[in-house]
């Protein structure tokens, strides 16, 4: 990721972290993606869903932020891969900086195992 992309991730988190986490807390069947330059990012349950859809675990990182008492999962995907993915999934919302894709309902136990595995790695 470029410095500009990292700056955009930081700006997104500084301005919207609590809103994003609130949205993800009960997210069962959507992937919420945020534009941060040449990449789209998804957090928590959306990160899990996005990783399951792309089968590329190395794009997921755990963020340890001073403003959060727990690690936050973030999955990054290049714009070209997201564009290709959008052709195969129903898009619920779309704007210049935000996409929402519909997915199968999330399995809470699988998500919890995935989250723990990423913390432990």
PDB file of N, CA and C in Angstrom:
ATOM      1  N   UNK A   1       0.836  -1.184   0.000  1.00  0.00           N
ATOM      2  CA  UNK A   1       0.000   0.000   0.000  1.00  0.00           C
ATOM      3  C   UNK A   1       0.877   1.241   0.000  1.00  0.00           C
ATOM      4  N   UNK A   2       0.441   2.225  -0.724  1.00  0.00           N
ATOM      5  CA  UNK A   2       1.206   3.472  -0.784  1.00  0.00           C
ATOM      6  C   UNK A   2       0.936   4.326   0.455  1.00  0.00           C
ATOM      7  N   UNK A   3       1.774   5.335   0.648  1.00  0.00           N
ATOM      8  CA  UNK A   3       1.591   6.245   1.780  1.00  0.00           C
ATOM      9  C   UNK A   3       0.240   6.942   1.683  1.00  0.00           C
ATOM     10  N   UNK A   4      -0.148   7.335   0.472  1.00  0.00           N
ATOM     11  CA  UNK A   4      -1.443   7.992   0.291  1.00  0.00           C
ATOM     12  C   UNK A   4      -2.582   7.072   0.718  1.00  0.00           C
ATOM     13  N   UNK A   5      -2.495   5.801   0.351  1.00  0.00           N
ATOM     14  CA  UNK A   5      -3.523   4.840   0.747  1.00  0.00           C
ATOM     15  C   UNK A   5      -3.567   4.699   2.259  1.00  0.00           C
ATOM     16  N   UNK A   6      -2.415   4.596   2.893  1.00  0.00           N
ATOM     17  CA  UNK A   6      -2.377   4.498   4.358  1.00  0.00           C
ATOM     18  C   UNK A   6      -2.949   5.745   5.013  1.00  0.00           C
ATOM     19  N   UNK A   7      -2.669   6.893   4.445  1.00  0.00           N
ATOM     20  CA  UNK A   7      -3.239   8.137   4.976  1.00  0.00           C
ATOM     21  C   UNK A   7      -4.758   8.115   4.854  1.00  0.00           C
ATOM     22  N   UNK A   8      -5.268   7.602   3.745  1.00  0.00           N
ATOM     23  CA  UNK A   8      -6.724   7.539   3.558  1.00  0.00           C
ATOM     24  C   UNK A   8      -7.358   6.541   4.518  1.00  0.00           C
ATOM     25  N   UNK A   9      -6.681   5.432   4.792  1.00  0.00           N
ATOM     26  CA  UNK A   9      -7.182   4.480   5.797  1.00  0.00           C
ATOM     27  C   UNK A   9      -7.235   5.166   7.156  1.00  0.00           C
ATOM     28  N   UNK A  10      -6.169   5.859   7.527  1.00  0.00           N
ATOM     29  CA  UNK A  10      -6.145   6.574   8.813  1.00  0.00           C
ATOM     30  C   UNK A  10      -7.243   7.611   8.899  1.00  0.00           C
ATOM     31  N   UNK A  11      -7.450   8.367   7.841  1.00  0.00           N
ATOM     32  CA  UNK A  11      -8.511   9.379   7.823  1.00  0.00           C
ATOM     33  C   UNK A  11      -9.879   8.729   7.978  1.00  0.00           C
ATOM     34  N   UNK A  12     -10.107   7.627   7.271  1.00  0.00           N
ATOM     35  CA  UNK A  12     -11.374   6.895   7.383  1.00  0.00           C
ATOM     36  C   UNK A  12     -11.600   6.437   8.814  1.00  0.00           C
ATOM     37  N   UNK A  13     -10.581   5.849   9.422  1.00  0.00           N
ATOM     38  CA  UNK A  13     -10.718   5.337  10.787  1.00  0.00           C
ATOM     39  C   UNK A  13     -10.881   6.457  11.806  1.00  0.00           C
ATOM     40  N   UNK A  14     -10.151   7.544  11.633  1.00  0.00           N
ATOM     41  CA  UNK A  14     -10.281   8.679  12.565  1.00  0.00           C
ATOM     42  C   UNK A  14     -11.678   9.277  12.529  1.00  0.00           C
ATOM     43  N   UNK A  15     -12.279   9.333  11.366  1.00  0.00           N
ATOM     44  CA  UNK A  15     -13.585   9.976  11.249  1.00  0.00           C
ATOM     45  C   UNK A  15     -14.787   9.066  11.381  1.00  0.00           C
ATOM     46  N   UNK A  16     -14.580   7.741  11.174  1.00  0.00           N
ATOM     47  CA  UNK A  16     -15.753   6.867  11.084  1.00  0.00           C
ATOM     48  C   UNK A  16     -15.624   5.531  11.808  1.00  0.00           C
ATOM     49  N   UNK A  17     -14.582   5.339  12.608  1.00  0.00           N
ATOM     50  CA  UNK A  17     -14.350   4.043  13.242  1.00  0.00           C
ATOM     51  C   UNK A  17     -15.556   3.554  14.037  1.00  0.00           C
ATOM     52  N   UNK A  18     -16.111   4.388  14.891  1.00  0.00           N
ATOM     53  CA  UNK A  18     -17.234   3.944  15.738  1.00  0.00           C
ATOM     54  C   UNK A  18     -18.460   3.596  14.897  1.00  0.00           C
ATOM     55  N   UNK A  19     -18.720   4.368  13.866  1.00  0.00           N
ATOM     56  CA  UNK A  19     -19.847   4.093  12.966  1.00  0.00           C
ATOM     57  C   UNK A  19     -19.628   2.764  12.232  1.00  0.00           C
ATOM     58  N   UNK A  20     -18.420   2.536  11.736  1.00  0.00           N
ATOM     59  CA  UNK A  20     -18.105   1.297  11.032  1.00  0.00           C
ATOM     60  C   UNK A  20     -18.265   0.099  11.965  1.00  0.00           C
ATOM     61  N   UNK A  21     -17.723   0.191  13.174  1.00  0.00           N
ATOM     62  CA  UNK A  21     -17.823  -0.925  14.115  1.00  0.00           C
ATOM     63  C   UNK A  21     -19.262  -1.190  14.530  1.00  0.00           C
ATOM     64  N   UNK A  22     -20.046  -0.146  14.701  1.00  0.00           N
ATOM     65  CA  UNK A  22     -21.471  -0.310  15.030  1.00  0.00           C
ATOM     66  C   UNK A  22     -22.193  -1.037  13.895  1.00  0.00           C
ATOM     67  N   UNK A  23     -21.888  -0.647  12.666  1.00  0.00           N
ATOM     68  CA  UNK A  23     -22.512  -1.271  11.498  1.00  0.00           C
ATOM     69  C   UNK A  23     -22.114  -2.746  11.384  1.00  0.00           C
ATOM     70  N   UNK A  24     -20.871  -3.048  11.697  1.00  0.00           N
ATOM     71  CA  UNK A  24     -20.375  -4.418  11.573  1.00  0.00           C
ATOM     72  C   UNK A  24     -20.826  -5.319  12.714  1.00  0.00           C
ATOM     73  N   UNK A  25     -21.164  -4.751  13.840  1.00  0.00           N
ATOM     74  CA  UNK A  25     -21.532  -5.530  15.019  1.00  0.00           C
ATOM     75  C   UNK A  25     -22.648  -6.535  14.728  1.00  0.00           C
ATOM     76  N   UNK A  26     -23.635  -6.141  13.953  1.00  0.00           N
ATOM     77  CA  UNK A  26     -24.773  -7.012  13.656  1.00  0.00           C
ATOM     78  C   UNK A  26     -24.876  -7.334  12.170  1.00  0.00           C
ATOM     79  N   UNK A  27     -23.797  -7.121  11.438  1.00  0.00           N
ATOM     80  CA  UNK A  27     -23.792  -7.383  10.007  1.00  0.00           C
ATOM     81  C   UNK A  27     -23.822  -8.884   9.762  1.00  0.00           C
ATOM     82  N   UNK A  28     -24.859  -9.344   9.096  1.00  0.00           N
ATOM     83  CA  UNK A  28     -24.993 -10.777   8.863  1.00  0.00           C
ATOM     84  C   UNK A  28     -24.829 -11.168   7.400  1.00  0.00           C
ATOM     85  N   UNK A  29     -25.123 -10.264   6.468  1.00  0.00           N
ATOM     86  CA  UNK A  29     -25.178 -10.696   5.069  1.00  0.00           C
ATOM     87  C   UNK A  29     -24.740  -9.632   4.064  1.00  0.00           C
ATOM     88  N   UNK A  30     -23.816  -8.762   4.476  1.00  0.00           N
ATOM     89  CA  UNK A  30     -23.357  -7.710   3.577  1.00  0.00           C
ATOM     90  C   UNK A  30     -21.853  -7.511   3.710  1.00  0.00           C
ATOM     91  N   UNK A  31     -21.249  -7.063   2.621  1.00  0.00           N
ATOM     92  CA  UNK A  31     -19.855  -6.656   2.643  1.00  0.00           C
ATOM     93  C   UNK A  31     -19.841  -5.149   2.428  1.00  0.00           C
ATOM     94  N   UNK A  32     -19.402  -4.428   3.440  1.00  0.00           N
ATOM     95  CA  UNK A  32     -19.295  -2.971   3.372  1.00  0.00           C
ATOM     96  C   UNK A  32     -17.855  -2.628   3.009  1.00  0.00           C
ATOM     97  N   UNK A  33     -17.682  -1.962   1.869  1.00  0.00           N
ATOM     98  CA  UNK A  33     -16.361  -1.626   1.350  1.00  0.00           C
ATOM     99  C   UNK A  33     -16.186  -0.124   1.288  1.00  0.00           C
ATOM    100  N   UNK A  34     -14.986   0.337   1.664  1.00  0.00           N
ATOM    101  CA  UNK A  34     -14.666   1.760   1.697  1.00  0.00           C
ATOM    102  C   UNK A  34     -13.474   2.029   0.790  1.00  0.00           C
ATOM    103  N   UNK A  35     -13.594   3.019  -0.058  1.00  0.00           N
ATOM    104  CA  UNK A  35     -12.543   3.389  -1.002  1.00  0.00           C
ATOM    105  C   UNK A  35     -11.433   4.149  -0.280  1.00  0.00           C
ATOM    106  N   UNK A  36     -10.200   3.650  -0.416  1.00  0.00           N
ATOM    107  CA  UNK A  36      -9.043   4.325   0.200  1.00  0.00           C
ATOM    108  C   UNK A  36      -7.936   4.546  -0.833  1.00  0.00           C
ATOM    109  N   UNK A  37      -8.323   4.884  -2.034  1.00  0.00           N
ATOM    110  CA  UNK A  37      -7.335   5.113  -3.081  1.00  0.00           C
ATOM    111  C   UNK A  37      -7.365   3.982  -4.083  1.00  0.00           C
ATOM    112  N   UNK A  38      -6.251   3.277  -4.228  1.00  0.00           N
ATOM    113  CA  UNK A  38      -6.215   2.182  -5.189  1.00  0.00           C
ATOM    114  C   UNK A  38      -6.809   0.890  -4.618  1.00  0.00           C
ATOM    115  N   UNK A  39      -7.200   0.914  -3.360  1.00  0.00           N
ATOM    116  CA  UNK A  39      -7.777  -0.252  -2.686  1.00  0.00           C
ATOM    117  C   UNK A  39      -9.144   0.074  -2.102  1.00  0.00           C
ATOM    118  N   UNK A  40      -9.909  -0.989  -1.903  1.00  0.00           N
ATOM    119  CA  UNK A  40     -11.118  -0.945  -1.098  1.00  0.00           C
ATOM    120  C   UNK A  40     -10.789  -1.710   0.179  1.00  0.00           C
ATOM    121  N   UNK A  41     -11.344  -1.279   1.305  1.00  0.00           N
ATOM    122  CA  UNK A  41     -11.125  -1.979   2.562  1.00  0.00           C
ATOM    123  C   UNK A  41     -12.462  -2.345   3.196  1.00  0.00           C
ATOM    124  N   UNK A  42     -12.442  -3.456   3.917  1.00  0.00           N
ATOM    125  CA  UNK A  42     -13.606  -3.926   4.662  1.00  0.00           C
ATOM    126  C   UNK A  42     -13.133  -4.262   6.068  1.00  0.00           C
ATOM    127  N   UNK A  43     -14.013  -4.113   7.039  1.00  0.00           N
ATOM    128  CA  UNK A  43     -13.652  -4.326   8.437  1.00  0.00           C
ATOM    129  C   UNK A  43     -14.537  -5.389   9.078  1.00  0.00           C
ATOM    130  N   UNK A  44     -13.962  -6.083  10.058  1.00  0.00           N
ATOM    131  CA  UNK A  44     -14.658  -7.034  10.909  1.00  0.00           C
ATOM    132  C   UNK A  44     -15.439  -8.083  10.109  1.00  0.00           C
ATOM    133  N   UNK A  45     -16.748  -8.143  10.261  1.00  0.00           N
ATOM    134  CA  UNK A  45     -17.550  -9.170   9.585  1.00  0.00           C
ATOM    135  C   UNK A  45     -17.486  -9.020   8.073  1.00  0.00           C
ATOM    136  N   UNK A  46     -17.424  -7.785   7.591  1.00  0.00           N
ATOM    137  CA  UNK A  46     -17.276  -7.567   6.148  1.00  0.00           C
ATOM    138  C   UNK A  46     -15.919  -8.084   5.666  1.00  0.00           C
ATOM    139  N   UNK A  47     -14.886  -7.908   6.482  1.00  0.00           N
ATOM    140  CA  UNK A  47     -13.550  -8.421   6.129  1.00  0.00           C
ATOM    141  C   UNK A  47     -13.599  -9.945   6.011  1.00  0.00           C
ATOM    142  N   UNK A  48     -14.260 -10.576   6.946  1.00  0.00           N
ATOM    143  CA  UNK A  48     -14.419 -12.035   6.907  1.00  0.00           C
ATOM    144  C   UNK A  48     -15.131 -12.460   5.630  1.00  0.00           C
ATOM    145  N   UNK A  49     -16.259 -11.823   5.347  1.00  0.00           N
ATOM    146  CA  UNK A  49     -17.029 -12.170   4.145  1.00  0.00           C
ATOM    147  C   UNK A  49     -16.204 -11.951   2.884  1.00  0.00           C
ATOM    148  N   UNK A  50     -15.483 -10.829   2.827  1.00  0.00           N
ATOM    149  CA  UNK A  50     -14.673 -10.521   1.652  1.00  0.00           C
ATOM    150  C   UNK A  50     -13.557 -11.549   1.474  1.00  0.00           C
ATOM    151  N   UNK A  51     -12.922 -11.938   2.564  1.00  0.00           N
ATOM    152  CA  UNK A  51     -11.881 -12.963   2.472  1.00  0.00           C
ATOM    153  C   UNK A  51     -12.470 -14.286   2.001  1.00  0.00           C
ATOM    154  N   UNK A  52     -13.652 -14.645   2.480  1.00  0.00           N
ATOM    155  CA  UNK A  52     -14.295 -15.884   2.043  1.00  0.00           C
ATOM    156  C   UNK A  52     -14.614 -15.832   0.554  1.00  0.00           C
ATOM    157  N   UNK A  53     -15.018 -14.678   0.067  1.00  0.00           N
ATOM    158  CA  UNK A  53     -15.357 -14.521  -1.349  1.00  0.00           C
ATOM    159  C   UNK A  53     -14.113 -14.548  -2.228  1.00  0.00           C
ATOM    160  N   UNK A  54     -13.014 -14.014  -1.732  1.00  0.00           N
ATOM    161  CA  UNK A  54     -11.805 -13.902  -2.561  1.00  0.00           C
ATOM    162  C   UNK A  54     -10.823 -15.039  -2.321  1.00  0.00           C
ATOM    163  N   UNK A  55     -10.935 -15.714  -1.178  1.00  0.00           N
ATOM    164  CA  UNK A  55     -10.027 -16.794  -0.796  1.00  0.00           C
ATOM    165  C   UNK A  55      -8.569 -16.340  -0.780  1.00  0.00           C
ATOM    166  N   UNK A  56      -8.353 -15.122  -0.316  1.00  0.00           N
ATOM    167  CA  UNK A  56      -6.991 -14.593  -0.251  1.00  0.00           C
ATOM    168  C   UNK A  56      -6.761 -14.032   1.149  1.00  0.00           C
ATOM    169  N   UNK A  57      -6.318 -14.888   2.052  1.00  0.00           N
ATOM    170  CA  UNK A  57      -6.169 -14.526   3.458  1.00  0.00           C
ATOM    171  C   UNK A  57      -5.050 -13.523   3.709  1.00  0.00           C
ATOM    172  N   UNK A  58      -4.075 -13.441   2.804  1.00  0.00           N
ATOM    173  CA  UNK A  58      -2.946 -12.552   3.071  1.00  0.00           C
ATOM    174  C   UNK A  58      -3.297 -11.076   2.908  1.00  0.00           C
ATOM    175  N   UNK A  59      -4.505 -10.774   2.505  1.00  0.00           N
ATOM    176  CA  UNK A  59      -4.947  -9.383   2.407  1.00  0.00           C
ATOM    177  C   UNK A  59      -5.649  -8.908   3.678  1.00  0.00           C
ATOM    178  N   UNK A  60      -5.707  -9.747   4.707  1.00  0.00           N
ATOM    179  CA  UNK A  60      -6.340  -9.383   5.967  1.00  0.00           C
ATOM    180  C   UNK A  60      -5.272  -9.075   7.009  1.00  0.00           C
ATOM    181  N   UNK A  61      -5.444  -7.959   7.701  1.00  0.00           N
ATOM    182  CA  UNK A  61      -4.535  -7.572   8.778  1.00  0.00           C
ATOM    183  C   UNK A  61      -5.359  -7.246  10.019  1.00  0.00           C
ATOM    184  N   UNK A  62      -4.720  -7.399  11.171  1.00  0.00           N
ATOM    185  CA  UNK A  62      -5.362  -7.019  12.428  1.00  0.00           C
ATOM    186  C   UNK A  62      -4.783  -5.677  12.856  1.00  0.00           C
ATOM    187  N   UNK A  63      -5.649  -4.696  13.027  1.00  0.00           N
ATOM    188  CA  UNK A  63      -5.227  -3.362  13.438  1.00  0.00           C
ATOM    189  C   UNK A  63      -5.315  -3.259  14.954  1.00  0.00           C
ATOM    190  N   UNK A  64      -4.253  -2.784  15.565  1.00  0.00           N
ATOM    191  CA  UNK A  64      -4.215  -2.574  17.013  1.00  0.00           C
ATOM    192  C   UNK A  64      -4.174  -1.055  17.225  1.00  0.00           C
ATOM    193  N   UNK A  65      -5.351  -0.481  17.448  1.00  0.00           N
ATOM    194  CA  UNK A  65      -5.481   0.968  17.567  1.00  0.00           C
ATOM    195  C   UNK A  65      -5.628   1.381  19.021  1.00  0.00           C
ATOM    196  N   UNK A  66      -5.063   2.507  19.350  1.00  0.00           N
ATOM    197  CA  UNK A  66      -5.164   3.024  20.719  1.00  0.00           C
ATOM    198  C   UNK A  66      -6.616   3.324  21.090  1.00  0.00           C
ATOM    199  N   UNK A  67      -7.446   3.635  20.110  1.00  0.00           N
ATOM    200  CA  UNK A  67      -8.847   3.993  20.366  1.00  0.00           C
ATOM    201  C   UNK A  67      -9.778   2.789  20.442  1.00  0.00           C
ATOM    202  N   UNK A  68      -9.237   1.579  20.291  1.00  0.00           N
ATOM    203  CA  UNK A  68     -10.069   0.380  20.340  1.00  0.00           C
ATOM    204  C   UNK A  68      -9.501  -0.607  21.353  1.00  0.00           C
ATOM    205  N   UNK A  69     -10.359  -1.159  22.220  1.00  0.00           N
ATOM    206  CA  UNK A  69      -9.869  -2.108  23.228  1.00  0.00           C
ATOM    207  C   UNK A  69      -9.561  -3.498  22.650  1.00  0.00           C
ATOM    208  N   UNK A  70      -9.893  -3.739  21.396  1.00  0.00           N
ATOM    209  CA  UNK A  70      -9.663  -5.039  20.775  1.00  0.00           C
ATOM    210  C   UNK A  70      -9.124  -4.835  19.359  1.00  0.00           C
ATOM    211  N   UNK A  71      -8.429  -5.836  18.820  1.00  0.00           N
ATOM    212  CA  UNK A  71      -7.931  -5.734  17.445  1.00  0.00           C
ATOM    213  C   UNK A  71      -9.094  -5.663  16.447  1.00  0.00           C
ATOM    214  N   UNK A  72      -8.886  -4.927  15.377  1.00  0.00           N
ATOM    215  CA  UNK A  72      -9.908  -4.752  14.348  1.00  0.00           C
ATOM    216  C   UNK A  72      -9.406  -5.405  13.062  1.00  0.00           C
ATOM    217  N   UNK A  73     -10.203  -6.308  12.517  1.00  0.00           N
ATOM    218  CA  UNK A  73      -9.845  -6.977  11.273  1.00  0.00           C
ATOM    219  C   UNK A  73     -10.113  -6.050  10.095  1.00  0.00           C
ATOM    220  N   UNK A  74      -9.146  -5.977   9.171  1.00  0.00           N
ATOM    221  CA  UNK A  74      -9.302  -5.180   7.955  1.00  0.00           C
ATOM    222  C   UNK A  74      -8.804  -6.006   6.775  1.00  0.00           C
ATOM    223  N   UNK A  75      -9.625  -6.124   5.759  1.00  0.00           N
ATOM    224  CA  UNK A  75      -9.245  -6.828   4.529  1.00  0.00           C
ATOM    225  C   UNK A  75      -9.147  -5.802   3.417  1.00  0.00           C
ATOM    226  N   UNK A  76      -8.047  -5.824   2.686  1.00  0.00           N
ATOM    227  CA  UNK A  76      -7.795  -4.884   1.587  1.00  0.00           C
ATOM    228  C   UNK A  76      -7.898  -5.618   0.260  1.00  0.00           C
ATOM    229  N   UNK A  77      -8.494  -4.952  -0.722  1.00  0.00           N
ATOM    230  CA  UNK A  77      -8.589  -5.546  -2.049  1.00  0.00           C
ATOM    231  C   UNK A  77      -8.421  -4.452  -3.097  1.00  0.00           C
ATOM    232  N   UNK A  78      -7.575  -4.725  -4.083  1.00  0.00           N
ATOM    233  CA  UNK A  78      -7.316  -3.757  -5.145  1.00  0.00           C
ATOM    234  C   UNK A  78      -8.600  -3.490  -5.936  1.00  0.00           C
ATOM    235  N   UNK A  79      -8.721  -2.255  -6.437  1.00  0.00           N
ATOM    236  CA  UNK A  79      -9.910  -1.847  -7.189  1.00  0.00           C
ATOM    237  C   UNK A  79     -10.259  -2.818  -8.314  1.00  0.00           C
ATOM    238  N   UNK A  80      -9.270  -3.295  -9.057  1.00  0.00           N
ATOM    239  CA  UNK A  80      -9.572  -4.175 -10.192  1.00  0.00           C
ATOM    240  C   UNK A  80     -10.212  -5.479  -9.735  1.00  0.00           C
ATOM    241  N   UNK A  81      -9.775  -6.012  -8.599  1.00  0.00           N
ATOM    242  CA  UNK A  81     -10.382  -7.246  -8.076  1.00  0.00           C
ATOM    243  C   UNK A  81     -11.802  -6.992  -7.585  1.00  0.00           C
ATOM    244  N   UNK A  82     -12.031  -5.832  -6.958  1.00  0.00           N
ATOM    245  CA  UNK A  82     -13.386  -5.498  -6.499  1.00  0.00           C
ATOM    246  C   UNK A  82     -14.312  -5.316  -7.700  1.00  0.00           C
ATOM    247  N   UNK A  83     -13.838  -4.629  -8.735  1.00  0.00           N
ATOM    248  CA  UNK A  83     -14.660  -4.442  -9.938  1.00  0.00           C
ATOM    249  C   UNK A  83     -15.069  -5.782 -10.526  1.00  0.00           C
ATOM    250  N   UNK A  84     -14.149  -6.716 -10.603  1.00  0.00           N
ATOM    251  CA  UNK A  84     -14.468  -8.049 -11.126  1.00  0.00           C
ATOM    252  C   UNK A  84     -15.471  -8.759 -10.217  1.00  0.00           C
ATOM    253  N   UNK A  85     -15.308  -8.622  -8.919  1.00  0.00           N
ATOM    254  CA  UNK A  85     -16.207  -9.250  -7.959  1.00  0.00           C
ATOM    255  C   UNK A  85     -17.624  -8.674  -8.065  1.00  0.00           C
ATOM    256  N   UNK A  86     -17.721  -7.394  -8.338  1.00  0.00           N
ATOM    257  CA  UNK A  86     -19.032  -6.746  -8.427  1.00  0.00           C
ATOM    258  C   UNK A  86     -19.878  -7.307  -9.572  1.00  0.00           C
ATOM    259  N   UNK A  87     -19.233  -7.855 -10.577  1.00  0.00           N
ATOM    260  CA  UNK A  87     -19.977  -8.447 -11.690  1.00  0.00           C
ATOM    261  C   UNK A  87     -20.689  -9.732 -11.276  1.00  0.00           C
ATOM    262  N   UNK A  88     -20.244 -10.351 -10.175  1.00  0.00           N
ATOM    263  CA  UNK A  88     -20.797 -11.638  -9.748  1.00  0.00           C
ATOM    264  C   UNK A  88     -21.626 -11.570  -8.476  1.00  0.00           C
ATOM    265  N   UNK A  89     -21.793 -10.381  -7.914  1.00  0.00           N
ATOM    266  CA  UNK A  89     -22.540 -10.245  -6.666  1.00  0.00           C
ATOM    267  C   UNK A  89     -23.531  -9.082  -6.764  1.00  0.00           C
ATOM    268  N   UNK A  90     -24.612  -9.209  -6.035  1.00  0.00           N
ATOM    269  CA  UNK A  90     -25.636  -8.162  -6.015  1.00  0.00           C
ATOM    270  C   UNK A  90     -25.113  -6.975  -5.219  1.00  0.00           C
ATOM    271  N   UNK A  91     -25.197  -5.811  -5.824  1.00  0.00           N
ATOM    272  CA  UNK A  91     -24.753  -4.594  -5.160  1.00  0.00           C
ATOM    273  C   UNK A  91     -25.979  -3.914  -4.544  1.00  0.00           C
ATOM    274  N   UNK A  92     -25.955  -3.709  -3.240  1.00  0.00           N
ATOM    275  CA  UNK A  92     -27.063  -3.071  -2.538  1.00  0.00           C
ATOM    276  C   UNK A  92     -26.930  -1.554  -2.551  1.00  0.00           C
ATOM    277  N   UNK A  93     -25.688  -1.064  -2.445  1.00  0.00           N
ATOM    278  CA  UNK A  93     -25.424   0.377  -2.448  1.00  0.00           C
ATOM    279  C   UNK A  93     -24.122   0.649  -3.181  1.00  0.00           C
ATOM    280  N   UNK A  94     -24.082   1.812  -3.809  1.00  0.00           N
ATOM    281  CA  UNK A  94     -22.852   2.190  -4.500  1.00  0.00           C
ATOM    282  C   UNK A  94     -22.742   3.709  -4.532  1.00  0.00           C
ATOM    283  N   UNK A  95     -21.567   4.184  -4.135  1.00  0.00           N
ATOM    284  CA  UNK A  95     -21.236   5.598  -4.292  1.00  0.00           C
ATOM    285  C   UNK A  95     -19.759   5.658  -4.656  1.00  0.00           C
ATOM    286  N   UNK A  96     -19.222   6.840  -4.780  1.00  0.00           N
ATOM    287  CA  UNK A  96     -17.818   6.974  -5.150  1.00  0.00           C
ATOM    288  C   UNK A  96     -16.883   6.384  -4.088  1.00  0.00           C
ATOM    289  N   UNK A  97     -17.278   6.424  -2.826  1.00  0.00           N
ATOM    290  CA  UNK A  97     -16.379   5.996  -1.749  1.00  0.00           C
ATOM    291  C   UNK A  97     -16.900   4.822  -0.933  1.00  0.00           C
ATOM    292  N   UNK A  98     -18.025   4.239  -1.341  1.00  0.00           N
ATOM    293  CA  UNK A  98     -18.634   3.170  -0.539  1.00  0.00           C
ATOM    294  C   UNK A  98     -19.368   2.199  -1.448  1.00  0.00           C
ATOM    295  N   UNK A  99     -19.191   0.917  -1.176  1.00  0.00           N
ATOM    296  CA  UNK A  99     -19.937  -0.142  -1.858  1.00  0.00           C
ATOM    297  C   UNK A  99     -20.502  -1.079  -0.810  1.00  0.00           C
ATOM    298  N   UNK A 100     -21.663  -1.632  -1.103  1.00  0.00           N
ATOM    299  CA  UNK A 100     -22.226  -2.653  -0.226  1.00  0.00           C
ATOM    300  C   UNK A 100     -22.721  -3.798  -1.103  1.00  0.00           C
ATOM    301  N   UNK A 101     -22.143  -4.987  -0.883  1.00  0.00           N
ATOM    302  CA  UNK A 101     -22.521  -6.184  -1.622  1.00  0.00           C
ATOM    303  C   UNK A 101     -23.326  -7.108  -0.727  1.00  0.00           C
ATOM    304  N   UNK A 102     -24.327  -7.760  -1.301  1.00  0.00           N
ATOM    305  CA  UNK A 102     -25.110  -8.744  -0.559  1.00  0.00           C
ATOM    306  C   UNK A 102     -24.410 -10.093  -0.637  1.00  0.00           C
ATOM    307  N   UNK A 103     -24.422 -10.830   0.474  1.00  0.00           N
ATOM    308  CA  UNK A 103     -23.792 -12.144   0.534  1.00  0.00           C
ATOM    309  C   UNK A 103     -24.697 -13.119   1.265  1.00  0.00           C
ATOM    310  N   UNK A 104     -24.213 -14.339   1.391  1.00  0.00           N
ATOM    311  CA  UNK A 104     -24.930 -15.320   2.219  1.00  0.00           C
ATOM    312  C   UNK A 104     -24.833 -14.888   3.672  1.00  0.00           C
ATOM    313  N   UNK A 105     -25.779 -15.302   4.495  1.00  0.00           N
ATOM    314  CA  UNK A 105     -25.684 -14.980   5.931  1.00  0.00           C
ATOM    315  C   UNK A 105     -24.405 -15.556   6.538  1.00  0.00           C
ATOM    316  N   UNK A 106     -23.838 -14.806   7.439  1.00  0.00           N
ATOM    317  CA  UNK A 106     -22.580 -15.177   8.087  1.00  0.00           C
ATOM    318  C   UNK A 106     -22.841 -16.228   9.174  1.00  0.00           C
ATOM    319  N   UNK A 107     -21.917 -17.165   9.304  1.00  0.00           N
ATOM    320  CA  UNK A 107     -21.968 -18.163  10.360  1.00  0.00           C
ATOM    321  C   UNK A 107     -21.137 -17.625  11.524  1.00  0.00           C
ATOM    322  N   UNK A 108     -21.789 -17.314  12.636  1.00  0.00           N
ATOM    323  CA  UNK A 108     -21.104 -16.680  13.770  1.00  0.00           C
ATOM    324  C   UNK A 108     -19.933 -17.497  14.304  1.00  0.00           C
ATOM    325  N   UNK A 109     -20.071 -18.824  14.371  1.00  0.00           N
ATOM    326  CA  UNK A 109     -18.984 -19.653  14.885  1.00  0.00           C
ATOM    327  C   UNK A 109     -17.779 -19.630  13.938  1.00  0.00           C
ATOM    328  N   UNK A 110     -18.025 -19.682  12.650  1.00  0.00           N
ATOM    329  CA  UNK A 110     -16.927 -19.616  11.679  1.00  0.00           C
ATOM    330  C   UNK A 110     -16.241 -18.259  11.738  1.00  0.00           C
ATOM    331  N   UNK A 111     -17.030 -17.211  11.886  1.00  0.00           N
ATOM    332  CA  UNK A 111     -16.441 -15.871  12.001  1.00  0.00           C
ATOM    333  C   UNK A 111     -15.570 -15.776  13.255  1.00  0.00           C
ATOM    334  N   UNK A 112     -16.056 -16.266  14.369  1.00  0.00           N
ATOM    335  CA  UNK A 112     -15.298 -16.200  15.624  1.00  0.00           C
ATOM    336  C   UNK A 112     -13.981 -16.975  15.513  1.00  0.00           C
ATOM    337  N   UNK A 113     -14.022 -18.149  14.884  1.00  0.00           N
ATOM    338  CA  UNK A 113     -12.799 -18.936  14.670  1.00  0.00           C
ATOM    339  C   UNK A 113     -11.824 -18.185  13.757  1.00  0.00           C
ATOM    340  N   UNK A 114     -12.340 -17.613  12.675  1.00  0.00           N
ATOM    341  CA  UNK A 114     -11.527 -16.845  11.728  1.00  0.00           C
ATOM    342  C   UNK A 114     -10.862 -15.674  12.432  1.00  0.00           C
ATOM    343  N   UNK A 115     -11.638 -14.947  13.211  1.00  0.00           N
ATOM    344  CA  UNK A 115     -11.119 -13.778  13.935  1.00  0.00           C
ATOM    345  C   UNK A 115      -9.996 -14.204  14.876  1.00  0.00           C
ATOM    346  N   UNK A 116     -10.227 -15.252  15.646  1.00  0.00           N
ATOM    347  CA  UNK A 116      -9.214 -15.728  16.590  1.00  0.00           C
ATOM    348  C   UNK A 116      -7.958 -16.209  15.871  1.00  0.00           C
ATOM    349  N   UNK A 117      -8.147 -16.895  14.757  1.00  0.00           N
ATOM    350  CA  UNK A 117      -6.994 -17.363  13.966  1.00  0.00           C
ATOM    351  C   UNK A 117      -6.133 -16.184  13.496  1.00  0.00           C
ATOM    352  N   UNK A 118      -6.767 -15.090  13.111  1.00  0.00           N
ATOM    353  CA  UNK A 118      -6.014 -13.920  12.652  1.00  0.00           C
ATOM    354  C   UNK A 118      -5.305 -13.222  13.809  1.00  0.00           C
ATOM    355  N   UNK A 119      -5.890 -13.249  14.980  1.00  0.00           N
ATOM    356  CA  UNK A 119      -5.225 -12.668  16.158  1.00  0.00           C
ATOM    357  C   UNK A 119      -3.995 -13.502  16.510  1.00  0.00           C
ATOM    358  N   UNK A 120      -4.147 -14.828  16.439  1.00  0.00           N
ATOM    359  CA  UNK A 120      -3.071 -15.733  16.838  1.00  0.00           C
ATOM    360  C   UNK A 120      -1.922 -15.798  15.826  1.00  0.00           C
ATOM    361  N   UNK A 121      -2.180 -15.402  14.592  1.00  0.00           N
ATOM    362  CA  UNK A 121      -1.106 -15.524  13.584  1.00  0.00           C
ATOM    363  C   UNK A 121      -0.162 -14.345  13.563  1.00  0.00           C
TER     364      UNK A 121
END
